[in-house]
Amino acid sequence: MVGLFVLAGIAAMAWLSIKLARMEIVGGDHRPIYAHFASVSGLKEGASIEMAGVQIGRVESIRLDQDEFDARVKLLIRNDIPIQEDAIASIRTQGLIGDRFIKLSPGASDLLLNPGERMLETEPAISIEELISQFIHGSVK
């Protein structure tokens, strides 16, 4: 009887940790889309992906593309959200010093990205240090 309660407790903890981590073990209602950035400074796996301020997905993984020497980001986007081939993915910060997230701006194309395809338009993270340096040296536009 004690063993049954222990197994039930372990199963409940596993289910809860999967739900809290928003992990998808089998299938799911999201599809992978890839985006390459010159810099992903501060962006973390699990970060939110938003369109018009609404969360539509999350960052699954961030890897260095050893062929192009840029950051390859795997995005998991809800299946019910169409992403045009000319949509723009930009790395933004919530507030002044908040967490980084990816903002998707819709494109005008009638062609949609299929699962596993790569976004062509990206904007890298803006570094506060770079902005301050540009301001000090008078090169802010």
N, C-alpha and C. Protein backbone atom coordinates (compact mmCIF):
# COMPACT_ATOMS: atom_id res chain seq x y z
N MET A 1 0.82 -1.19 0.00
CA MET A 1 0.00 0.00 0.00
C MET A 1 0.87 1.27 0.00
N VAL A 2 1.94 1.24 0.80
CA VAL A 2 2.85 2.39 0.85
C VAL A 2 3.49 2.60 -0.52
N GLY A 3 3.87 1.52 -1.17
CA GLY A 3 4.49 1.61 -2.49
C GLY A 3 3.56 2.26 -3.51
N LEU A 4 2.27 1.98 -3.41
CA LEU A 4 1.29 2.56 -4.31
C LEU A 4 1.22 4.08 -4.13
N PHE A 5 1.24 4.52 -2.88
CA PHE A 5 1.23 5.97 -2.61
C PHE A 5 2.51 6.63 -3.09
N VAL A 6 3.64 5.97 -2.94
CA VAL A 6 4.91 6.51 -3.41
C VAL A 6 4.88 6.66 -4.93
N LEU A 7 4.41 5.63 -5.63
CA LEU A 7 4.32 5.70 -7.09
C LEU A 7 3.35 6.79 -7.54
N ALA A 8 2.22 6.92 -6.85
CA ALA A 8 1.26 7.97 -7.19
C ALA A 8 1.88 9.35 -6.97
N GLY A 9 2.64 9.50 -5.89
CA GLY A 9 3.31 10.77 -5.61
C GLY A 9 4.35 11.12 -6.65
N ILE A 10 5.13 10.13 -7.07
CA ILE A 10 6.15 10.36 -8.10
C ILE A 10 5.48 10.73 -9.43
N ALA A 11 4.40 10.02 -9.77
CA ALA A 11 3.69 10.32 -11.02
C ALA A 11 3.10 11.73 -10.98
N ALA A 12 2.54 12.13 -9.85
CA ALA A 12 1.97 13.47 -9.72
C ALA A 12 3.05 14.54 -9.83
N MET A 13 4.21 14.30 -9.23
CA MET A 13 5.31 15.27 -9.30
C MET A 13 5.84 15.38 -10.73
N ALA A 14 5.94 14.25 -11.43
CA ALA A 14 6.41 14.27 -12.81
C ALA A 14 5.43 15.05 -13.69
N TRP A 15 4.15 14.79 -13.53
CA TRP A 15 3.13 15.51 -14.31
C TRP A 15 3.19 17.00 -14.03
N LEU A 16 3.31 17.37 -12.77
CA LEU A 16 3.36 18.78 -12.39
C LEU A 16 4.60 19.46 -12.94
N SER A 17 5.75 18.79 -12.87
CA SER A 17 6.97 19.41 -13.39
C SER A 17 6.91 19.60 -14.90
N ILE A 18 6.31 18.66 -15.60
CA ILE A 18 6.15 18.80 -17.05
C ILE A 18 5.22 19.97 -17.36
N LYS A 19 4.12 20.07 -16.66
CA LYS A 19 3.18 21.17 -16.88
C LYS A 19 3.82 22.52 -16.55
N LEU A 20 4.54 22.59 -15.44
CA LEU A 20 5.15 23.85 -15.04
C LEU A 20 6.25 24.27 -16.00
N ALA A 21 6.98 23.32 -16.53
CA ALA A 21 8.07 23.62 -17.46
C ALA A 21 7.54 23.82 -18.88
N ARG A 22 6.25 23.60 -19.07
CA ARG A 22 5.61 23.71 -20.39
C ARG A 22 6.31 22.84 -21.42
N MET A 23 6.71 21.67 -21.00
CA MET A 23 7.37 20.73 -21.90
C MET A 23 6.31 19.93 -22.64
N GLU A 24 6.60 19.58 -23.87
CA GLU A 24 5.73 18.73 -24.65
C GLU A 24 6.50 17.48 -24.99
N ILE A 25 6.08 16.36 -24.41
CA ILE A 25 6.81 15.12 -24.62
C ILE A 25 6.35 14.43 -25.90
N VAL A 26 5.05 14.38 -26.11
CA VAL A 26 4.53 13.70 -27.30
C VAL A 26 3.64 14.67 -28.06
N GLY A 27 3.95 14.88 -29.33
CA GLY A 27 3.10 15.71 -30.18
C GLY A 27 2.99 17.13 -29.68
N GLY A 28 1.76 17.59 -29.58
CA GLY A 28 1.52 18.94 -29.11
C GLY A 28 0.83 19.75 -30.18
N ASP A 29 0.45 20.94 -29.81
CA ASP A 29 -0.26 21.80 -30.75
C ASP A 29 0.63 22.94 -31.24
N HIS A 30 1.94 22.70 -31.27
CA HIS A 30 2.92 23.68 -31.74
C HIS A 30 3.75 23.09 -32.88
N ARG A 31 4.26 23.98 -33.74
CA ARG A 31 5.13 23.53 -34.83
C ARG A 31 6.46 24.27 -34.75
N PRO A 32 7.54 23.63 -35.19
CA PRO A 32 8.85 24.30 -35.15
C PRO A 32 9.06 25.22 -36.35
N ILE A 33 9.60 26.39 -36.07
CA ILE A 33 10.05 27.35 -37.09
C ILE A 33 11.44 27.79 -36.64
N TYR A 34 12.35 28.00 -37.56
CA TYR A 34 13.72 28.39 -37.20
C TYR A 34 13.98 29.84 -37.59
N ALA A 35 14.80 30.50 -36.78
CA ALA A 35 15.22 31.87 -37.06
C ALA A 35 16.70 31.99 -36.71
N HIS A 36 17.45 32.70 -37.55
CA HIS A 36 18.88 32.92 -37.31
C HIS A 36 19.10 34.39 -36.95
N PHE A 37 19.88 34.62 -35.89
CA PHE A 37 20.16 35.97 -35.40
C PHE A 37 21.66 36.18 -35.31
N ALA A 38 22.11 37.42 -35.56
CA ALA A 38 23.52 37.77 -35.39
C ALA A 38 23.89 37.72 -33.91
N SER A 39 22.94 38.05 -33.04
CA SER A 39 23.17 38.01 -31.59
C SER A 39 21.87 37.69 -30.88
N VAL A 40 21.95 36.80 -29.90
CA VAL A 40 20.79 36.48 -29.06
C VAL A 40 21.10 36.77 -27.60
N SER A 41 21.96 37.72 -27.37
CA SER A 41 22.42 38.06 -26.02
C SER A 41 21.24 38.23 -25.06
N GLY A 42 21.22 37.43 -24.01
CA GLY A 42 20.18 37.52 -22.99
C GLY A 42 18.95 36.68 -23.25
N LEU A 43 18.78 36.15 -24.45
CA LEU A 43 17.63 35.31 -24.76
C LEU A 43 17.88 33.91 -24.19
N LYS A 44 16.85 33.33 -23.58
CA LYS A 44 16.99 32.01 -22.96
C LYS A 44 15.97 31.04 -23.53
N GLU A 45 16.31 29.76 -23.46
CA GLU A 45 15.35 28.73 -23.84
C GLU A 45 14.14 28.85 -22.93
N GLY A 46 12.96 28.70 -23.51
CA GLY A 46 11.72 28.86 -22.76
C GLY A 46 11.16 30.27 -22.83
N ALA A 47 11.90 31.20 -23.43
CA ALA A 47 11.43 32.58 -23.54
C ALA A 47 10.16 32.64 -24.37
N SER A 48 9.36 33.63 -24.10
CA SER A 48 8.08 33.83 -24.76
C SER A 48 8.25 34.32 -26.20
N ILE A 49 7.33 33.91 -27.06
CA ILE A 49 7.23 34.44 -28.42
C ILE A 49 5.87 35.12 -28.50
N GLU A 50 5.88 36.40 -28.89
CA GLU A 50 4.64 37.18 -28.90
C GLU A 50 4.38 37.80 -30.26
N MET A 51 3.09 37.96 -30.55
CA MET A 51 2.64 38.69 -31.72
C MET A 51 1.52 39.61 -31.24
N ALA A 52 1.66 40.90 -31.47
CA ALA A 52 0.69 41.90 -31.02
C ALA A 52 0.49 41.83 -29.50
N GLY A 53 1.54 41.48 -28.77
CA GLY A 53 1.47 41.42 -27.31
C GLY A 53 0.85 40.16 -26.75
N VAL A 54 0.49 39.20 -27.62
CA VAL A 54 -0.13 37.95 -27.19
C VAL A 54 0.87 36.82 -27.35
N GLN A 55 1.02 35.99 -26.31
CA GLN A 55 1.96 34.87 -26.40
C GLN A 55 1.43 33.83 -27.37
N ILE A 56 2.28 33.47 -28.35
CA ILE A 56 1.88 32.47 -29.35
C ILE A 56 2.85 31.29 -29.40
N GLY A 57 3.85 31.30 -28.53
CA GLY A 57 4.81 30.20 -28.54
C GLY A 57 5.94 30.46 -27.57
N ARG A 58 6.98 29.65 -27.72
CA ARG A 58 8.15 29.77 -26.85
C ARG A 58 9.40 29.34 -27.60
N VAL A 59 10.55 29.76 -27.06
CA VAL A 59 11.84 29.38 -27.63
C VAL A 59 12.17 27.97 -27.14
N GLU A 60 12.36 27.06 -28.06
CA GLU A 60 12.66 25.67 -27.72
C GLU A 60 14.16 25.47 -27.48
N SER A 61 14.99 26.00 -28.39
CA SER A 61 16.44 25.81 -28.24
C SER A 61 17.20 26.94 -28.93
N ILE A 62 18.43 27.14 -28.47
CA ILE A 62 19.34 28.14 -29.05
C ILE A 62 20.67 27.45 -29.27
N ARG A 63 21.13 27.44 -30.50
CA ARG A 63 22.39 26.77 -30.84
C ARG A 63 23.22 27.67 -31.76
N LEU A 64 24.52 27.45 -31.76
CA LEU A 64 25.41 28.14 -32.69
C LEU A 64 25.41 27.38 -34.01
N ASP A 65 25.09 28.07 -35.08
CA ASP A 65 25.17 27.48 -36.41
C ASP A 65 26.63 27.57 -36.84
N GLN A 66 27.31 26.43 -36.92
CA GLN A 66 28.74 26.43 -37.19
C GLN A 66 29.07 26.66 -38.66
N ASP A 67 28.05 26.66 -39.52
CA ASP A 67 28.28 26.99 -40.93
C ASP A 67 28.21 28.50 -41.16
N GLU A 68 27.24 29.14 -40.52
CA GLU A 68 27.04 30.58 -40.73
C GLU A 68 27.55 31.43 -39.56
N PHE A 69 27.95 30.79 -38.48
CA PHE A 69 28.46 31.47 -37.28
C PHE A 69 27.48 32.52 -36.76
N ASP A 70 26.22 32.10 -36.69
CA ASP A 70 25.20 32.92 -36.04
C ASP A 70 24.38 32.02 -35.13
N ALA A 71 23.43 32.61 -34.43
CA ALA A 71 22.62 31.83 -33.49
C ALA A 71 21.39 31.28 -34.21
N ARG A 72 21.19 29.98 -34.10
CA ARG A 72 20.02 29.31 -34.69
C ARG A 72 19.03 29.06 -33.56
N VAL A 73 17.87 29.68 -33.66
CA VAL A 73 16.86 29.58 -32.62
C VAL A 73 15.68 28.77 -33.14
N LYS A 74 15.31 27.75 -32.38
CA LYS A 74 14.15 26.94 -32.73
C LYS A 74 12.95 27.50 -31.97
N LEU A 75 11.96 27.96 -32.73
CA LEU A 75 10.75 28.53 -32.16
C LEU A 75 9.63 27.50 -32.23
N LEU A 76 8.87 27.36 -31.18
CA LEU A 76 7.66 26.53 -31.21
C LEU A 76 6.47 27.47 -31.24
N ILE A 77 5.75 27.46 -32.37
CA ILE A 77 4.64 28.37 -32.60
C ILE A 77 3.34 27.58 -32.62
N ARG A 78 2.29 28.13 -32.02
CA ARG A 78 0.99 27.46 -32.03
C ARG A 78 0.56 27.16 -33.46
N ASN A 79 -0.02 25.99 -33.66
CA ASN A 79 -0.45 25.57 -35.00
C ASN A 79 -1.51 26.47 -35.61
N ASP A 80 -2.33 27.12 -34.78
CA ASP A 80 -3.42 27.94 -35.30
C ASP A 80 -2.99 29.35 -35.69
N ILE A 81 -1.70 29.67 -35.54
CA ILE A 81 -1.18 31.00 -35.88
C ILE A 81 -0.41 30.92 -37.20
N PRO A 82 -0.92 31.53 -38.28
CA PRO A 82 -0.18 31.51 -39.54
C PRO A 82 1.00 32.49 -39.48
N ILE A 83 2.15 32.05 -39.98
CA ILE A 83 3.34 32.90 -40.04
C ILE A 83 3.73 33.06 -41.51
N GLN A 84 3.67 34.30 -42.01
CA GLN A 84 4.02 34.57 -43.40
C GLN A 84 5.53 34.43 -43.59
N GLU A 85 5.92 34.11 -44.83
CA GLU A 85 7.34 33.91 -45.11
C GLU A 85 8.16 35.19 -44.94
N ASP A 86 7.52 36.36 -44.99
CA ASP A 86 8.24 37.62 -44.81
C ASP A 86 8.01 38.25 -43.42
N ALA A 87 7.50 37.45 -42.49
CA ALA A 87 7.33 37.94 -41.11
C ALA A 87 8.70 38.26 -40.52
N ILE A 88 8.73 39.16 -39.55
CA ILE A 88 9.99 39.58 -38.93
C ILE A 88 10.04 39.11 -37.49
N ALA A 89 11.13 38.45 -37.11
CA ALA A 89 11.36 38.04 -35.72
C ALA A 89 12.41 38.97 -35.13
N SER A 90 12.05 39.65 -34.04
CA SER A 90 13.00 40.55 -33.39
C SER A 90 13.08 40.23 -31.91
N ILE A 91 14.28 40.35 -31.36
CA ILE A 91 14.48 40.08 -29.94
C ILE A 91 14.27 41.39 -29.18
N ARG A 92 13.36 41.35 -28.22
CA ARG A 92 13.00 42.53 -27.44
C ARG A 92 13.19 42.26 -25.95
N THR A 93 13.11 43.33 -25.18
CA THR A 93 13.22 43.23 -23.73
C THR A 93 11.92 43.72 -23.11
N GLN A 94 11.39 42.96 -22.13
CA GLN A 94 10.20 43.40 -21.41
C GLN A 94 10.61 44.47 -20.42
N GLY A 95 10.17 45.68 -20.64
CA GLY A 95 10.56 46.78 -19.78
C GLY A 95 11.99 47.21 -20.08
N LEU A 96 12.58 47.95 -19.15
CA LEU A 96 13.93 48.48 -19.36
C LEU A 96 15.00 47.41 -19.19
N ILE A 97 14.89 46.59 -18.15
CA ILE A 97 15.90 45.57 -17.89
C ILE A 97 15.26 44.20 -17.65
N GLY A 98 14.10 43.96 -18.27
CA GLY A 98 13.39 42.71 -18.07
C GLY A 98 13.94 41.57 -18.91
N ASP A 99 13.20 40.47 -18.92
CA ASP A 99 13.58 39.29 -19.69
C ASP A 99 13.45 39.55 -21.18
N ARG A 100 14.26 38.85 -21.94
CA ARG A 100 14.20 38.94 -23.40
C ARG A 100 13.09 38.02 -23.91
N PHE A 101 12.46 38.42 -25.01
CA PHE A 101 11.46 37.60 -25.68
C PHE A 101 11.56 37.88 -27.18
N ILE A 102 10.88 37.08 -27.97
CA ILE A 102 10.89 37.28 -29.41
C ILE A 102 9.54 37.84 -29.83
N LYS A 103 9.59 38.96 -30.53
CA LYS A 103 8.39 39.58 -31.08
C LYS A 103 8.31 39.24 -32.55
N LEU A 104 7.18 38.67 -32.96
CA LEU A 104 6.95 38.39 -34.38
C LEU A 104 6.03 39.46 -34.95
N SER A 105 6.48 40.08 -36.02
CA SER A 105 5.66 41.06 -36.74
C SER A 105 5.19 40.39 -38.02
N PRO A 106 3.87 40.41 -38.27
CA PRO A 106 3.36 39.72 -39.45
C PRO A 106 3.88 40.33 -40.74
N GLY A 107 3.97 39.50 -41.75
CA GLY A 107 4.38 39.96 -43.07
C GLY A 107 3.17 40.22 -43.95
N ALA A 108 3.43 40.58 -45.19
CA ALA A 108 2.35 40.88 -46.14
C ALA A 108 2.18 39.78 -47.18
N SER A 109 3.06 38.80 -47.17
CA SER A 109 3.04 37.75 -48.18
C SER A 109 1.84 36.82 -47.98
N ASP A 110 1.38 36.24 -49.08
CA ASP A 110 0.33 35.23 -49.01
C ASP A 110 0.92 33.85 -48.73
N LEU A 111 2.24 33.72 -48.88
CA LEU A 111 2.90 32.43 -48.64
C LEU A 111 3.21 32.28 -47.16
N LEU A 112 2.92 31.10 -46.62
CA LEU A 112 3.13 30.83 -45.20
C LEU A 112 4.31 29.90 -45.00
N LEU A 113 4.96 30.04 -43.84
CA LEU A 113 6.05 29.13 -43.48
C LEU A 113 5.46 27.79 -43.05
N ASN A 114 6.08 26.72 -43.51
CA ASN A 114 5.69 25.38 -43.11
C ASN A 114 6.54 24.95 -41.92
N PRO A 115 6.08 23.94 -41.17
CA PRO A 115 6.88 23.46 -40.03
C PRO A 115 8.30 23.11 -40.47
N GLY A 116 9.28 23.57 -39.69
CA GLY A 116 10.68 23.27 -39.96
C GLY A 116 11.37 24.26 -40.88
N GLU A 117 10.62 25.20 -41.46
CA GLU A 117 11.24 26.19 -42.35
C GLU A 117 11.87 27.32 -41.55
N ARG A 118 12.67 28.12 -42.25
CA ARG A 118 13.44 29.20 -41.63
C ARG A 118 12.86 30.56 -41.96
N MET A 119 12.76 31.41 -40.95
CA MET A 119 12.35 32.80 -41.17
C MET A 119 13.50 33.53 -41.83
N LEU A 120 13.18 34.39 -42.78
CA LEU A 120 14.22 35.11 -43.52
C LEU A 120 14.57 36.45 -42.90
N GLU A 121 13.62 37.07 -42.21
CA GLU A 121 13.81 38.41 -41.65
C GLU A 121 13.94 38.34 -40.13
N THR A 122 15.10 38.77 -39.60
CA THR A 122 15.30 38.81 -38.15
C THR A 122 16.02 40.09 -37.76
N GLU A 123 15.81 40.51 -36.52
CA GLU A 123 16.51 41.65 -35.94
C GLU A 123 17.13 41.19 -34.63
N PRO A 124 18.45 41.37 -34.45
CA PRO A 124 19.12 40.88 -33.24
C PRO A 124 18.75 41.71 -32.00
N ALA A 125 19.19 41.21 -30.87
CA ALA A 125 18.97 41.89 -29.60
C ALA A 125 19.71 43.22 -29.58
N ILE A 126 19.10 44.22 -28.97
CA ILE A 126 19.74 45.52 -28.80
C ILE A 126 20.36 45.54 -27.41
N SER A 127 21.64 45.79 -27.34
CA SER A 127 22.36 45.79 -26.08
C SER A 127 22.30 47.17 -25.44
N ILE A 128 21.93 47.21 -24.17
CA ILE A 128 21.91 48.48 -23.43
C ILE A 128 23.31 49.08 -23.40
N GLU A 129 24.32 48.23 -23.24
CA GLU A 129 25.71 48.71 -23.21
C GLU A 129 26.08 49.40 -24.52
N GLU A 130 25.66 48.80 -25.64
CA GLU A 130 25.95 49.40 -26.94
C GLU A 130 25.25 50.75 -27.09
N LEU A 131 24.00 50.83 -26.64
CA LEU A 131 23.27 52.10 -26.74
C LEU A 131 23.92 53.18 -25.90
N ILE A 132 24.34 52.84 -24.68
CA ILE A 132 25.00 53.81 -23.81
C ILE A 132 26.31 54.26 -24.44
N SER A 133 27.07 53.32 -24.98
CA SER A 133 28.34 53.66 -25.63
C SER A 133 28.11 54.59 -26.82
N GLN A 134 27.10 54.29 -27.62
CA GLN A 134 26.80 55.15 -28.76
C GLN A 134 26.37 56.54 -28.31
N PHE A 135 25.59 56.60 -27.22
CA PHE A 135 25.14 57.89 -26.70
C PHE A 135 26.33 58.72 -26.21
N ILE A 136 27.23 58.06 -25.47
CA ILE A 136 28.41 58.76 -24.93
C ILE A 136 29.29 59.28 -26.06
N HIS A 137 29.45 58.49 -27.10
CA HIS A 137 30.33 58.86 -28.21
C HIS A 137 29.60 59.67 -29.29
N GLY A 138 28.32 59.97 -29.05
CA GLY A 138 27.57 60.83 -29.96
C GLY A 138 27.17 60.22 -31.27
N SER A 139 27.05 58.89 -31.33
CA SER A 139 26.69 58.27 -32.61
C SER A 139 25.28 57.69 -32.59
N VAL A 140 24.44 58.07 -31.61
CA VAL A 140 23.06 57.59 -31.59
C VAL A 140 22.27 58.34 -32.64
N LYS A 141 21.48 57.60 -33.41
CA LYS A 141 20.69 58.22 -34.49
C LYS A 141 19.26 58.38 -34.05
